[in-house]
Amino acid sequence: MRKLRKSLFDVILRERDVHPEAGCQNQEEMLQLLSKIAAERTDLEQQAIYHEIKLREDQMSTAMGRGIAIPHARVEGLEQSYIFVAQNRHGLEWDSPDGRMVRLLILILSPKESPNAQIQILQCLANVLHNRDSAQALVSSNDPSFIWASLRNELNASRHCNID
């Protein structure tokens, strides 16, 4: 008997998309920086990306606790999903449910026309980020290769994400 397969989403996560030591002082600066990085990689307008990220963040904080936030947005003009990672050693106030400062940010951008992509990617990342030891290892690591490989491995293990 053949099983029906859920949609497979293309996700781009490159090692160069992990940015250690982002020297931002606050949430606004970090969202601007992530928008700039995303705009350079996607050839979309920085302000359009920022607007979508900020709109989502204003609805509800994307901090999940344990020093991690996952800002995300669906953006017009994307053909596939992208993941960008930034770290801030000092931590940023992000209205986290556990009150901890955010040190690791994982930005997910997905096509506006593909609303399920974002949900599937978040589910893929949930396994590694909800495990206390794995989350702590990611937050405390200063090795971009380790962060990239950990996230990539988790996404590769999923049946819903096709990593490029």
C-alpha atoms as a PDB file:
ATOM      1  CA  MET A   1       0.000   0.000   0.000  1.00  0.00           C
ATOM      2  CA  ARG A   2       1.348   3.416  -0.957  1.00  0.00           C
ATOM      3  CA  LYS A   3       1.372   6.218   1.576  1.00  0.00           C
ATOM      4  CA  LEU A   4       0.372   9.681   0.531  1.00  0.00           C
ATOM      5  CA  ARG A   5       3.173  12.134   1.105  1.00  0.00           C
ATOM      6  CA  LYS A   6       2.629  15.597   2.475  1.00  0.00           C
ATOM      7  CA  SER A   7       3.976  18.534   0.518  1.00  0.00           C
ATOM      8  CA  LEU A   8       7.747  18.820   0.334  1.00  0.00           C
ATOM      9  CA  PHE A   9       8.970  22.377   0.821  1.00  0.00           C
ATOM     10  CA  ASP A  10      12.217  23.688  -0.625  1.00  0.00           C
ATOM     11  CA  VAL A  11      14.290  25.473   2.005  1.00  0.00           C
ATOM     12  CA  ILE A  12      17.540  27.307   1.467  1.00  0.00           C
ATOM     13  CA  LEU A  13      19.873  27.341   4.464  1.00  0.00           C
ATOM     14  CA  ARG A  14      23.514  27.958   3.644  1.00  0.00           C
ATOM     15  CA  GLU A  15      26.405  28.047   6.056  1.00  0.00           C
ATOM     16  CA  ARG A  16      27.024  31.672   5.082  1.00  0.00           C
ATOM     17  CA  ASP A  17      23.465  32.442   6.256  1.00  0.00           C
ATOM     18  CA  VAL A  18      24.577  31.946   9.872  1.00  0.00           C
ATOM     19  CA  HIS A  19      25.797  35.254  11.308  1.00  0.00           C
ATOM     20  CA  PRO A  20      27.573  35.003  14.655  1.00  0.00           C
ATOM     21  CA  GLU A  21      28.033  38.043  16.838  1.00  0.00           C
ATOM     22  CA  ALA A  22      25.457  40.345  15.299  1.00  0.00           C
ATOM     23  CA  GLY A  23      26.294  43.544  17.152  1.00  0.00           C
ATOM     24  CA  CYS A  24      22.742  44.775  17.550  1.00  0.00           C
ATOM     25  CA  GLN A  25      21.585  46.667  20.630  1.00  0.00           C
ATOM     26  CA  ASN A  26      17.855  45.923  20.430  1.00  0.00           C
ATOM     27  CA  GLN A  27      15.095  44.055  18.641  1.00  0.00           C
ATOM     28  CA  GLU A  28      14.583  46.799  16.051  1.00  0.00           C
ATOM     29  CA  GLU A  29      18.245  46.754  15.008  1.00  0.00           C
ATOM     30  CA  MET A  30      18.231  42.954  14.800  1.00  0.00           C
ATOM     31  CA  LEU A  31      15.124  42.854  12.611  1.00  0.00           C
ATOM     32  CA  GLN A  32      16.662  45.518  10.352  1.00  0.00           C
ATOM     33  CA  LEU A  33      19.898  43.519  10.112  1.00  0.00           C
ATOM     34  CA  LEU A  34      18.087  40.266   9.337  1.00  0.00           C
ATOM     35  CA  SER A  35      16.004  42.082   6.713  1.00  0.00           C
ATOM     36  CA  LYS A  36      19.163  43.461   5.099  1.00  0.00           C
ATOM     37  CA  ILE A  37      20.815  40.035   5.035  1.00  0.00           C
ATOM     38  CA  ALA A  38      17.663  38.464   3.580  1.00  0.00           C
ATOM     39  CA  ALA A  39      17.299  41.197   0.958  1.00  0.00           C
ATOM     40  CA  GLU A  40      20.864  40.651  -0.232  1.00  0.00           C
ATOM     41  CA  ARG A  41      20.271  36.906  -0.634  1.00  0.00           C
ATOM     42  CA  THR A  42      16.797  37.051  -2.160  1.00  0.00           C
ATOM     43  CA  ASP A  43      17.052  40.192  -4.322  1.00  0.00           C
ATOM     44  CA  LEU A  44      13.900  41.545  -2.673  1.00  0.00           C
ATOM     45  CA  GLU A  45      13.518  44.971  -1.108  1.00  0.00           C
ATOM     46  CA  GLN A  46      14.799  45.221   2.452  1.00  0.00           C
ATOM     47  CA  GLN A  47      11.881  47.394   3.582  1.00  0.00           C
ATOM     48  CA  ALA A  48       9.311  44.962   2.177  1.00  0.00           C
ATOM     49  CA  ILE A  49      10.938  42.099   4.089  1.00  0.00           C
ATOM     50  CA  TYR A  50      11.259  44.176   7.244  1.00  0.00           C
ATOM     51  CA  HIS A  51       7.615  45.251   7.031  1.00  0.00           C
ATOM     52  CA  GLU A  52       6.395  41.636   6.908  1.00  0.00           C
ATOM     53  CA  ILE A  53       8.680  40.512   9.748  1.00  0.00           C
ATOM     54  CA  LYS A  54       7.733  43.475  11.923  1.00  0.00           C
ATOM     55  CA  LEU A  55       4.028  43.034  11.192  1.00  0.00           C
ATOM     56  CA  ARG A  56       4.223  39.447  12.458  1.00  0.00           C
ATOM     57  CA  GLU A  57       6.335  40.408  15.472  1.00  0.00           C
ATOM     58  CA  ASP A  58       3.840  43.124  16.434  1.00  0.00           C
ATOM     59  CA  GLN A  59       1.029  40.556  16.455  1.00  0.00           C
ATOM     60  CA  MET A  60       2.828  38.306  18.932  1.00  0.00           C
ATOM     61  CA  SER A  61       6.391  37.853  20.092  1.00  0.00           C
ATOM     62  CA  THR A  62       8.272  35.147  18.232  1.00  0.00           C
ATOM     63  CA  ALA A  63      10.483  34.404  21.256  1.00  0.00           C
ATOM     64  CA  MET A  64      10.041  30.808  22.306  1.00  0.00           C
ATOM     65  CA  GLY A  65      12.157  30.818  25.453  1.00  0.00           C
ATOM     66  CA  ARG A  66      15.571  29.308  26.220  1.00  0.00           C
ATOM     67  CA  GLY A  67      17.226  32.319  24.552  1.00  0.00           C
ATOM     68  CA  ILE A  68      15.700  31.656  21.109  1.00  0.00           C
ATOM     69  CA  ALA A  69      13.385  33.656  18.863  1.00  0.00           C
ATOM     70  CA  ILE A  70      12.061  32.583  15.480  1.00  0.00           C
ATOM     71  CA  PRO A  71      10.852  35.642  13.594  1.00  0.00           C
ATOM     72  CA  HIS A  72       9.008  34.549  10.482  1.00  0.00           C
ATOM     73  CA  ALA A  73       7.041  36.014   7.626  1.00  0.00           C
ATOM     74  CA  ARG A  74       5.441  35.105   4.349  1.00  0.00           C
ATOM     75  CA  VAL A  75       6.860  37.353   1.651  1.00  0.00           C
ATOM     76  CA  GLU A  76       5.591  38.230  -1.804  1.00  0.00           C
ATOM     77  CA  GLY A  77       8.042  37.342  -4.572  1.00  0.00           C
ATOM     78  CA  LEU A  78       9.803  34.374  -2.969  1.00  0.00           C
ATOM     79  CA  GLU A  79       9.860  31.123  -4.906  1.00  0.00           C
ATOM     80  CA  GLN A  80      11.127  29.034  -1.979  1.00  0.00           C
ATOM     81  CA  SER A  81      11.737  29.390   1.724  1.00  0.00           C
ATOM     82  CA  TYR A  82      14.894  30.767   3.319  1.00  0.00           C
ATOM     83  CA  ILE A  83      16.355  30.477   6.794  1.00  0.00           C
ATOM     84  CA  PHE A  84      18.800  33.007   8.234  1.00  0.00           C
ATOM     85  CA  VAL A  85      20.439  32.751  11.648  1.00  0.00           C
ATOM     86  CA  ALA A  86      21.944  35.480  13.816  1.00  0.00           C
ATOM     87  CA  GLN A  87      23.451  35.437  17.276  1.00  0.00           C
ATOM     88  CA  ASN A  88      23.820  38.128  19.876  1.00  0.00           C
ATOM     89  CA  ARG A  89      26.081  37.203  22.783  1.00  0.00           C
ATOM     90  CA  HIS A  90      24.750  39.956  25.053  1.00  0.00           C
ATOM     91  CA  GLY A  91      21.129  39.014  24.496  1.00  0.00           C
ATOM     92  CA  LEU A  92      18.194  41.111  23.383  1.00  0.00           C
ATOM     93  CA  GLU A  93      14.904  41.875  25.085  1.00  0.00           C
ATOM     94  CA  TRP A  94      12.253  40.033  23.047  1.00  0.00           C
ATOM     95  CA  ASP A  95       9.265  39.530  25.346  1.00  0.00           C
ATOM     96  CA  SER A  96      10.264  35.923  25.886  1.00  0.00           C
ATOM     97  CA  PRO A  97       7.809  33.672  27.762  1.00  0.00           C
ATOM     98  CA  ASP A  98      10.537  32.632  30.225  1.00  0.00           C
ATOM     99  CA  GLY A  99      11.892  36.179  30.600  1.00  0.00           C
ATOM    100  CA  ARG A 100      15.314  35.234  29.206  1.00  0.00           C
ATOM    101  CA  MET A 101      17.172  37.455  26.792  1.00  0.00           C
ATOM    102  CA  VAL A 102      17.256  36.194  23.199  1.00  0.00           C
ATOM    103  CA  ARG A 103      20.684  35.205  21.924  1.00  0.00           C
ATOM    104  CA  LEU A 104      19.835  33.046  18.913  1.00  0.00           C
ATOM    105  CA  LEU A 105      17.485  34.206  16.174  1.00  0.00           C
ATOM    106  CA  ILE A 106      16.284  32.024  13.337  1.00  0.00           C
ATOM    107  CA  LEU A 107      14.488  33.981  10.628  1.00  0.00           C
ATOM    108  CA  ILE A 108      12.181  31.994   8.370  1.00  0.00           C
ATOM    109  CA  LEU A 109      10.938  33.596   5.163  1.00  0.00           C
ATOM    110  CA  SER A 110       8.495  31.655   3.033  1.00  0.00           C
ATOM    111  CA  PRO A 111       6.523  32.399  -0.129  1.00  0.00           C
ATOM    112  CA  LYS A 112       3.276  34.284   0.425  1.00  0.00           C
ATOM    113  CA  GLU A 113       1.556  31.799  -1.883  1.00  0.00           C
ATOM    114  CA  SER A 114       2.608  28.844   0.273  1.00  0.00           C
ATOM    115  CA  PRO A 115       1.117  29.354   3.743  1.00  0.00           C
ATOM    116  CA  ASN A 116       1.834  25.798   4.911  1.00  0.00           C
ATOM    117  CA  ALA A 117       5.567  26.065   4.236  1.00  0.00           C
ATOM    118  CA  GLN A 118       6.187  28.213   7.291  1.00  0.00           C
ATOM    119  CA  ILE A 119       4.259  25.878   9.570  1.00  0.00           C
ATOM    120  CA  GLN A 120       6.092  22.813   8.276  1.00  0.00           C
ATOM    121  CA  ILE A 121       9.498  24.469   8.703  1.00  0.00           C
ATOM    122  CA  LEU A 122       8.620  25.524  12.251  1.00  0.00           C
ATOM    123  CA  GLN A 123       7.591  21.936  13.002  1.00  0.00           C
ATOM    124  CA  CYS A 124      10.868  20.656  11.562  1.00  0.00           C
ATOM    125  CA  LEU A 125      12.869  22.993  13.791  1.00  0.00           C
ATOM    126  CA  ALA A 126      10.744  22.302  16.855  1.00  0.00           C
ATOM    127  CA  ASN A 127      12.434  18.947  17.495  1.00  0.00           C
ATOM    128  CA  VAL A 128      15.899  20.399  17.961  1.00  0.00           C
ATOM    129  CA  LEU A 129      14.768  23.624  19.639  1.00  0.00           C
ATOM    130  CA  HIS A 130      12.454  22.035  22.209  1.00  0.00           C
ATOM    131  CA  ASN A 131      15.142  19.666  23.412  1.00  0.00           C
ATOM    132  CA  ARG A 132      16.775  21.507  26.317  1.00  0.00           C
ATOM    133  CA  ASP A 133      20.308  20.224  25.630  1.00  0.00           C
ATOM    134  CA  SER A 134      20.140  20.818  21.883  1.00  0.00           C
ATOM    135  CA  ALA A 135      18.705  24.300  22.322  1.00  0.00           C
ATOM    136  CA  GLN A 136      21.383  25.192  24.883  1.00  0.00           C
ATOM    137  CA  ALA A 137      24.121  23.894  22.585  1.00  0.00           C
ATOM    138  CA  LEU A 138      22.847  26.091  19.739  1.00  0.00           C
ATOM    139  CA  VAL A 139      22.425  29.199  21.895  1.00  0.00           C
ATOM    140  CA  SER A 140      25.839  28.894  23.531  1.00  0.00           C
ATOM    141  CA  SER A 141      27.808  27.845  20.454  1.00  0.00           C
ATOM    142  CA  ASN A 142      30.124  30.350  18.824  1.00  0.00           C
ATOM    143  CA  ASP A 143      30.676  28.029  15.864  1.00  0.00           C
ATOM    144  CA  PRO A 144      28.552  28.971  12.827  1.00  0.00           C
ATOM    145  CA  SER A 145      29.352  25.605  11.202  1.00  0.00           C
ATOM    146  CA  PHE A 146      27.920  23.743  14.204  1.00  0.00           C
ATOM    147  CA  ILE A 147      24.736  25.838  14.201  1.00  0.00           C
ATOM    148  CA  TRP A 148      24.308  25.415  10.446  1.00  0.00           C
ATOM    149  CA  ALA A 149      24.918  21.658  10.548  1.00  0.00           C
ATOM    150  CA  SER A 150      22.568  21.130  13.511  1.00  0.00           C
ATOM    151  CA  LEU A 151      19.680  22.989  11.894  1.00  0.00           C
ATOM    152  CA  ARG A 152      20.351  21.447   8.501  1.00  0.00           C
ATOM    153  CA  ASN A 153      20.413  17.925   9.951  1.00  0.00           C
ATOM    154  CA  GLU A 154      17.098  18.485  11.706  1.00  0.00           C
ATOM    155  CA  LEU A 155      15.494  19.812   8.527  1.00  0.00           C
ATOM    156  CA  ASN A 156      16.968  16.973   6.472  1.00  0.00           C
ATOM    157  CA  ALA A 157      15.492  14.453   8.903  1.00  0.00           C
ATOM    158  CA  SER A 158      12.031  15.797   8.172  1.00  0.00           C
ATOM    159  CA  ARG A 159       9.912  14.480   5.372  1.00  0.00           C
ATOM    160  CA  HIS A 160       8.525  17.941   4.733  1.00  0.00           C
ATOM    161  CA  CYS A 161      11.618  20.003   3.992  1.00  0.00           C
ATOM    162  CA  ASN A 162      13.940  19.659   1.025  1.00  0.00           C
ATOM    163  CA  ILE A 163      17.152  21.432   2.010  1.00  0.00           C
ATOM    164  CA  ASP A 164      19.283  23.147  -0.601  1.00  0.00           C
END
